[in-house]
Protein backbone atom coordinates (compact mmCIF):
# COMPACT_ATOMS: atom_id res chain seq x y z
CA MET A 1 62.51 -107.22 233.91
CA SER A 2 59.59 -107.49 236.26
CA PRO A 3 56.96 -104.73 236.31
CA LEU A 4 57.81 -103.88 239.91
CA THR A 5 61.48 -103.34 239.12
CA SER A 6 60.76 -101.20 236.08
CA LEU A 7 58.23 -99.15 238.05
CA THR A 8 60.76 -98.63 240.85
CA LEU A 9 63.46 -97.55 238.39
CA ALA A 10 61.04 -95.19 236.64
CA GLY A 11 60.10 -93.67 240.00
CA LEU A 12 63.73 -93.17 240.97
CA LEU A 13 64.45 -91.56 237.61
CA ALA A 14 61.48 -89.22 238.05
CA LEU A 15 62.64 -88.24 241.55
CA THR A 16 66.17 -87.60 240.30
CA LEU A 17 64.93 -85.37 237.51
CA ALA A 18 62.59 -83.50 239.85
CA ALA A 19 65.39 -82.87 242.35
CA CYS A 20 67.68 -81.48 239.67
CA ALA A 21 64.98 -79.34 238.06
CA THR A 22 64.13 -77.24 241.13
CA ALA A 23 65.86 -73.87 241.34
CA PRO A 24 68.01 -73.16 244.41
CA ALA A 25 66.67 -70.66 246.90
CA ALA A 26 67.91 -67.09 246.55
CA THR A 27 70.28 -65.93 249.26
CA PRO A 28 69.00 -63.00 251.33
CA ASP A 29 70.77 -59.65 251.14
CA LEU A 30 72.65 -59.28 254.45
CA THR A 31 74.11 -55.82 253.91
CA PRO A 32 72.96 -53.30 256.54
CA PRO A 33 70.91 -50.32 255.40
CA PRO A 34 72.77 -47.01 255.06
CA PRO A 35 72.65 -44.72 258.09
CA PRO A 36 70.04 -41.96 257.95
CA PRO A 37 71.32 -38.48 257.13
CA TYR A 38 71.59 -36.07 260.04
CA ASP A 39 69.30 -33.08 259.93
CA ALA A 40 70.21 -29.52 260.91
CA LYS A 41 68.81 -29.82 264.45
CA THR A 42 70.90 -32.90 265.20
CA GLN A 43 74.04 -31.24 263.87
CA LEU A 44 73.39 -28.14 265.98
CA GLU A 45 72.73 -30.16 269.15
CA TYR A 46 75.76 -32.42 268.80
CA GLY A 47 78.20 -30.00 267.14
CA GLY A 48 78.37 -31.47 263.67
CA ALA A 49 77.75 -34.93 262.37
CA PRO A 50 78.76 -37.62 264.87
CA ARG A 51 81.73 -39.80 264.09
CA PRO A 52 81.04 -43.24 262.64
CA PRO A 53 81.15 -46.10 265.16
CA ARG A 54 84.39 -47.98 265.70
CA TYR A 55 84.08 -51.73 265.43
């Protein structure tokens, strides 16, 4: 086998191993944050805690 062919095959093998060795990226957390609690002033102004939104 010629040196160029063996060098090419060694390079392809190194690239294949490097591609398999990298860890996949972590997926971001897409859950919305919990709603803030309503304080006493808000409950007095609006007559109790407001209803949750309808989607």
